[in-house]
C-alpha atoms as a PDB file:
ATOM      1  CA  MET A   1     112.940  59.580 280.251  1.00  0.00           C
ATOM      2  CA  SER A   2     114.911  63.077 281.190  1.00  0.00           C
ATOM      3  CA  ILE A   3     116.309  65.288 279.203  1.00  0.00           C
ATOM      4  CA  GLN A   4     120.104  65.088 279.650  1.00  0.00           C
ATOM      5  CA  LYS A   5     121.892  68.067 279.486  1.00  0.00           C
ATOM      6  CA  LEU A   6     124.647  67.643 276.167  1.00  0.00           C
ATOM      7  CA  ARG A   7     128.992  68.276 277.950  1.00  0.00           C
ATOM      8  CA  ASP A   8     130.994  69.972 275.822  1.00  0.00           C
ATOM      9  CA  PRO A   9     133.620  67.777 275.773  1.00  0.00           C
ATOM     10  CA  TRP A  10     136.091  70.380 274.293  1.00  0.00           C
ATOM     11  CA  ALA A  11     135.008  73.120 276.615  1.00  0.00           C
ATOM     12  CA  LYS A  12     137.362  72.643 279.514  1.00  0.00           C
ATOM     13  CA  ARG A  13     140.080  73.901 276.442  1.00  0.00           C
ATOM     14  CA  GLU A  14     138.006  76.605 275.367  1.00  0.00           C
ATOM     15  CA  ALA A  15     137.839  77.986 278.622  1.00  0.00           C
ATOM     16  CA  TRP A  16     140.792  80.087 279.155  1.00  0.00           C
ATOM     17  CA  ARG A  17     139.081  82.451 275.666  1.00  0.00           C
ATOM     18  CA  ASN A  18     136.551  83.407 278.678  1.00  0.00           C
ATOM     19  CA  THR A  19     138.803  84.651 280.914  1.00  0.00           C
ATOM     20  CA  PRO A  20     139.223  87.913 282.499  1.00  0.00           C
ATOM     21  CA  GLN A  21     142.781  88.499 282.314  1.00  0.00           C
ATOM     22  CA  LEU A  22     142.079  87.813 278.701  1.00  0.00           C
ATOM     23  CA  SER A  23     139.167  90.521 278.173  1.00  0.00           C
ATOM     24  CA  ILE A  24     139.397  93.651 275.641  1.00  0.00           C
ATOM     25  CA  ARG A  25     138.919  95.627 278.586  1.00  0.00           C
ATOM     26  CA  ASN A  26     141.561  94.671 280.669  1.00  0.00           C
ATOM     27  CA  SER A  27     144.263  93.795 278.003  1.00  0.00           C
ATOM     28  CA  LEU A  28     143.902  97.343 276.496  1.00  0.00           C
ATOM     29  CA  ARG A  29     144.367  99.177 279.881  1.00  0.00           C
ATOM     30  CA  HIS A  30     147.576  96.608 280.417  1.00  0.00           C
ATOM     31  CA  THR A  31     148.798  97.018 276.991  1.00  0.00           C
ATOM     32  CA  TRP A  32     150.619 100.584 278.362  1.00  0.00           C
ATOM     33  CA  PRO A  33     151.026 100.700 281.968  1.00  0.00           C
ATOM     34  CA  GLY A  34     153.053 103.547 282.128  1.00  0.00           C
ATOM     35  CA  LEU A  35     150.686 105.602 279.871  1.00  0.00           C
ATOM     36  CA  PRO A  36     149.045 107.637 282.152  1.00  0.00           C
ATOM     37  CA  TRP A  37     152.138 108.780 284.300  1.00  0.00           C
ATOM     38  CA  GLY A  38     154.319 109.319 281.248  1.00  0.00           C
ATOM     39  CA  VAL A  39     151.670 112.514 280.166  1.00  0.00           C
ATOM     40  CA  GLY A  40     151.157 113.758 283.569  1.00  0.00           C
ATOM     41  CA  ALA A  41     155.226 113.613 284.013  1.00  0.00           C
ATOM     42  CA  PHE A  42     155.121 115.652 280.382  1.00  0.00           C
ATOM     43  CA  ILE A  43     152.410 117.916 281.497  1.00  0.00           C
ATOM     44  CA  ILE A  44     154.161 118.386 284.427  1.00  0.00           C
ATOM     45  CA  TYR A  45     157.535 119.372 281.878  1.00  0.00           C
ATOM     46  CA  LEU A  46     156.248 121.439 279.469  1.00  0.00           C
ATOM     47  CA  GLY A  47     154.424 123.577 282.784  1.00  0.00           C
ATOM     48  CA  ALA A  48     157.425 123.615 284.480  1.00  0.00           C
ATOM     49  CA  ASP A  49     159.770 124.637 281.362  1.00  0.00           C
ATOM     50  CA  ALA A  50     157.047 127.366 279.741  1.00  0.00           C
ATOM     51  CA  VAL A  51     157.654 129.457 282.871  1.00  0.00           C
ATOM     52  CA  ILE A  52     161.069 128.826 283.165  1.00  0.00           C
ATOM     53  CA  SER A  53     161.954 130.789 280.015  1.00  0.00           C
ATOM     54  CA  ARG A  54     159.323 133.143 281.270  1.00  0.00           C
ATOM     55  CA  MET A  55     161.422 133.737 284.020  1.00  0.00           C
ATOM     56  CA  ASN A  56     164.631 133.382 281.710  1.00  0.00           C
ATOM     57  CA  ASN A  57     162.870 136.657 279.778  1.00  0.00           C
ATOM     58  CA  GLN A  58     162.240 138.330 281.645  1.00  0.00           C
ATOM     59  CA  ILE A  59     165.565 138.076 283.250  1.00  0.00           C
ATOM     60  CA  GLN A  60     167.430 139.098 279.514  1.00  0.00           C
ATOM     61  CA  SER A  61     165.094 142.078 279.116  1.00  0.00           C
ATOM     62  CA  ASP A  62     165.252 143.695 283.229  1.00  0.00           C
ATOM     63  CA  ARG A  63     169.508 143.333 282.250  1.00  0.00           C
ATOM     64  CA  GLU A  64     168.919 144.492 278.672  1.00  0.00           C
ATOM     65  CA  LEU A  65     167.131 147.691 279.846  1.00  0.00           C
ATOM     66  CA  SER A  66     169.748 148.516 282.568  1.00  0.00           C
ATOM     67  CA  ARG A  67     172.395 148.126 280.082  1.00  0.00           C
ATOM     68  CA  SER A  68     170.849 151.001 278.292  1.00  0.00           C
ATOM     69  CA  GLN A  69     170.233 153.315 280.858  1.00  0.00           C
ATOM     70  CA  TYR A  70     174.163 153.153 281.466  1.00  0.00           C
ATOM     71  CA  LEU A  71     174.995 153.699 278.135  1.00  0.00           C
END
């Protein structure tokens, strides 16, 4: 008598749970697909804003210095 492998009659219906598209890693990775781009753009914006505000402050202080010299 040979030992037969028992088949699960519900295996086809439960197979979707093991698909790679539904893994936790994949679902977390695709939750916010644009998040890395958004964070990168925000960091670039903060850097540009800091540089521009320093330049504006320098220009303003130069103008005030030149006005005080003429008075």
